[in-house]
């Protein structure tokens, strides 16, 4: 049995958009959106989730032994990872200031990234909570990335 991640594109858009507004993913192509979900699957797998599953480039998730489809609550983990990636990329693409001049008229504004940064921090806290819960329950597959994650808690990034 297989699960097609493209079925969850509307959920991905809801994850990163304010209801009733134009979302940050509206201009993205179908292939881009599937790519975001595929990348999120593999990032989550590197963190120890979904060890019994694989994902093709076109977003089809299958159990390695032909077992059950990935449960919906696990798809929510993929959506969380995709949301983290989208918000991070949005922060990277956000200009921190704008200055314009037309003749004698000047306009200057700064655009604080604090709201997006706070949102990303909240998503990361949810990710860490999920990782901690899975580790405690014993359903976690440790990876090399997990070792770096553990080390990053004790060694400052700027060190």
Protein backbone atom coordinates (compact mmCIF):
# COMPACT_ATOMS: atom_id res chain seq x y z
CA UNK A 1 0.00 0.00 0.00
CA UNK A 2 1.16 3.54 -0.66
CA UNK A 3 0.38 7.06 0.47
CA UNK A 4 0.62 9.99 -1.96
CA UNK A 5 1.91 13.10 -0.18
CA UNK A 6 0.44 15.33 -2.91
CA UNK A 7 -2.97 14.67 -1.31
CA UNK A 8 -1.75 16.78 1.64
CA UNK A 9 -0.83 19.92 -0.31
CA UNK A 10 -3.96 21.73 0.98
CA UNK A 11 -2.94 20.82 4.55
CA UNK A 12 0.59 22.15 3.88
CA UNK A 13 -0.88 25.43 2.65
CA UNK A 14 -3.05 25.66 5.79
CA UNK A 15 0.03 25.00 7.93
CA UNK A 16 1.82 28.13 6.71
CA UNK A 17 -1.00 30.51 5.74
CA UNK A 18 -3.43 32.76 7.55
CA UNK A 19 -6.98 31.64 6.69
CA UNK A 20 -8.69 33.86 4.14
CA UNK A 21 -5.49 35.47 2.87
CA UNK A 22 -3.12 34.86 0.01
CA UNK A 23 -0.63 32.32 1.27
CA UNK A 24 3.12 32.27 0.84
CA UNK A 25 2.86 29.06 -1.20
CA UNK A 26 0.20 30.21 -3.68
CA UNK A 27 2.79 30.92 -6.38
CA UNK A 28 4.55 27.58 -5.88
CA UNK A 29 4.08 24.91 -8.53
CA UNK A 30 2.64 21.48 -7.81
CA UNK A 31 6.12 19.95 -8.19
CA UNK A 32 7.59 22.50 -5.74
CA UNK A 33 4.94 21.68 -3.15
CA UNK A 34 5.44 17.93 -3.53
CA UNK A 35 9.19 18.55 -3.26
CA UNK A 36 8.71 20.40 0.03
CA UNK A 37 6.73 17.46 1.42
CA UNK A 38 9.29 14.92 0.16
CA UNK A 39 12.13 16.92 1.73
CA UNK A 40 10.16 17.12 4.98
CA UNK A 41 9.67 13.34 4.98
CA UNK A 42 13.42 12.76 4.64
CA UNK A 43 14.28 15.40 7.26
CA UNK A 44 11.90 13.71 9.69
CA UNK A 45 13.41 10.34 8.80
CA UNK A 46 16.88 11.68 9.55
CA UNK A 47 15.54 12.70 12.95
CA UNK A 48 14.47 9.11 13.58
CA UNK A 49 10.86 9.04 12.42
CA UNK A 50 9.49 6.66 9.78
CA UNK A 51 12.37 4.17 9.80
CA UNK A 52 10.10 1.53 8.27
CA UNK A 53 9.06 3.77 5.34
CA UNK A 54 10.57 5.17 2.17
CA UNK A 55 9.48 8.03 -0.08
CA UNK A 56 9.93 8.39 -3.83
CA UNK A 57 10.80 11.69 -5.52
CA UNK A 58 7.19 12.02 -6.64
CA UNK A 59 5.94 11.87 -3.05
CA UNK A 60 4.75 8.29 -2.73
CA UNK A 61 5.39 6.92 0.78
CA UNK A 62 5.56 3.15 1.13
CA UNK A 63 6.29 0.75 3.96
CA UNK A 64 9.59 -1.02 3.31
CA UNK A 65 8.01 -4.43 3.92
CA UNK A 66 4.72 -3.68 2.16
CA UNK A 67 2.93 -3.04 5.46
CA UNK A 68 0.33 -0.47 6.38
CA UNK A 69 0.17 3.06 5.04
CA UNK A 70 1.70 5.84 7.07
CA UNK A 71 -0.94 6.85 9.66
CA UNK A 72 -2.48 10.33 9.40
CA UNK A 73 -0.91 11.45 12.68
CA UNK A 74 2.50 10.70 11.16
CA UNK A 75 1.61 12.78 8.11
CA UNK A 76 1.11 15.65 10.58
CA UNK A 77 4.77 15.27 11.56
CA UNK A 78 5.73 15.62 7.88
CA UNK A 79 3.53 18.73 7.67
CA UNK A 80 5.25 20.17 10.75
CA UNK A 81 8.69 19.62 9.21
CA UNK A 82 7.47 21.14 5.93
CA UNK A 83 6.13 24.15 7.83
CA UNK A 84 9.48 24.64 9.53
CA UNK A 85 11.23 24.56 6.16
CA UNK A 86 8.78 27.01 4.55
CA UNK A 87 8.92 29.48 7.45
CA UNK A 88 12.73 29.27 7.56
CA UNK A 89 12.93 29.95 3.82
CA UNK A 90 10.46 32.83 4.17
CA UNK A 91 12.66 34.39 6.87
CA UNK A 92 15.73 33.96 4.65
CA UNK A 93 13.93 35.69 1.78
CA UNK A 94 12.56 38.57 3.84
CA UNK A 95 14.30 41.89 3.43
CA UNK A 96 14.91 43.64 6.72
CA UNK A 97 14.53 47.12 5.32
CA UNK A 98 13.47 49.20 2.35
CA UNK A 99 14.68 52.60 1.33
CA UNK A 100 13.33 54.41 -1.72
CA UNK A 101 14.00 57.85 -3.13
CA UNK A 102 12.23 59.61 -5.98
CA UNK A 103 13.48 63.16 -6.40
CA UNK A 104 13.09 65.04 -3.11
CA UNK A 105 10.76 62.39 -1.64
CA UNK A 106 12.31 59.65 0.47
CA UNK A 107 10.69 56.64 2.09
CA UNK A 108 12.29 54.25 4.52
CA UNK A 109 10.86 51.37 6.51
CA UNK A 110 12.17 48.42 8.40
CA UNK A 111 10.48 45.06 8.38
CA UNK A 112 11.14 43.19 11.61
CA UNK A 113 11.47 39.44 11.23
CA UNK A 114 10.62 38.97 14.89
CA UNK A 115 7.15 37.57 14.21
CA UNK A 116 8.43 35.02 11.70
CA UNK A 117 11.34 34.18 13.98
CA UNK A 118 8.96 33.64 16.90
CA UNK A 119 6.80 31.41 14.70
CA UNK A 120 9.84 29.38 13.66
CA UNK A 121 10.89 29.08 17.31
CA UNK A 122 7.44 27.76 18.19
CA UNK A 123 7.59 25.19 15.39
CA UNK A 124 11.05 24.09 16.50
CA UNK A 125 9.79 23.70 20.10
CA UNK A 126 6.98 21.48 18.83
CA UNK A 127 9.53 19.46 16.85
CA UNK A 128 11.71 19.02 19.95
CA UNK A 129 8.66 18.02 22.00
CA UNK A 130 7.76 15.35 19.43
CA UNK A 131 11.32 14.05 19.40
CA UNK A 132 11.42 13.90 23.20
CA UNK A 133 8.05 12.10 23.35
CA UNK A 134 9.08 9.51 20.79
CA UNK A 135 12.41 8.93 22.51
CA UNK A 136 10.62 8.31 25.83
CA UNK A 137 8.19 5.86 24.24
CA UNK A 138 11.02 3.92 22.60
CA UNK A 139 9.67 4.17 19.06
CA UNK A 140 12.60 6.22 17.93
CA UNK A 141 15.41 5.21 15.58
CA UNK A 142 18.58 7.11 16.54
CA UNK A 143 20.64 8.54 13.69
CA UNK A 144 23.87 10.45 13.27
CA UNK A 145 21.76 13.59 12.95
CA UNK A 146 20.32 12.82 16.40
CA UNK A 147 23.83 12.91 17.82
CA UNK A 148 24.40 16.37 16.33
CA UNK A 149 20.99 17.48 17.63
CA UNK A 150 21.92 16.30 21.11
CA UNK A 151 25.30 18.03 20.91
CA UNK A 152 23.69 21.28 19.72
CA UNK A 153 21.81 21.49 23.01
CA UNK A 154 25.09 21.64 24.90
CA UNK A 155 27.45 23.37 22.48
CA UNK A 156 26.42 26.90 21.44
CA UNK A 157 26.15 27.38 17.67
CA UNK A 158 28.35 30.53 17.80
CA UNK A 159 31.15 28.72 19.64
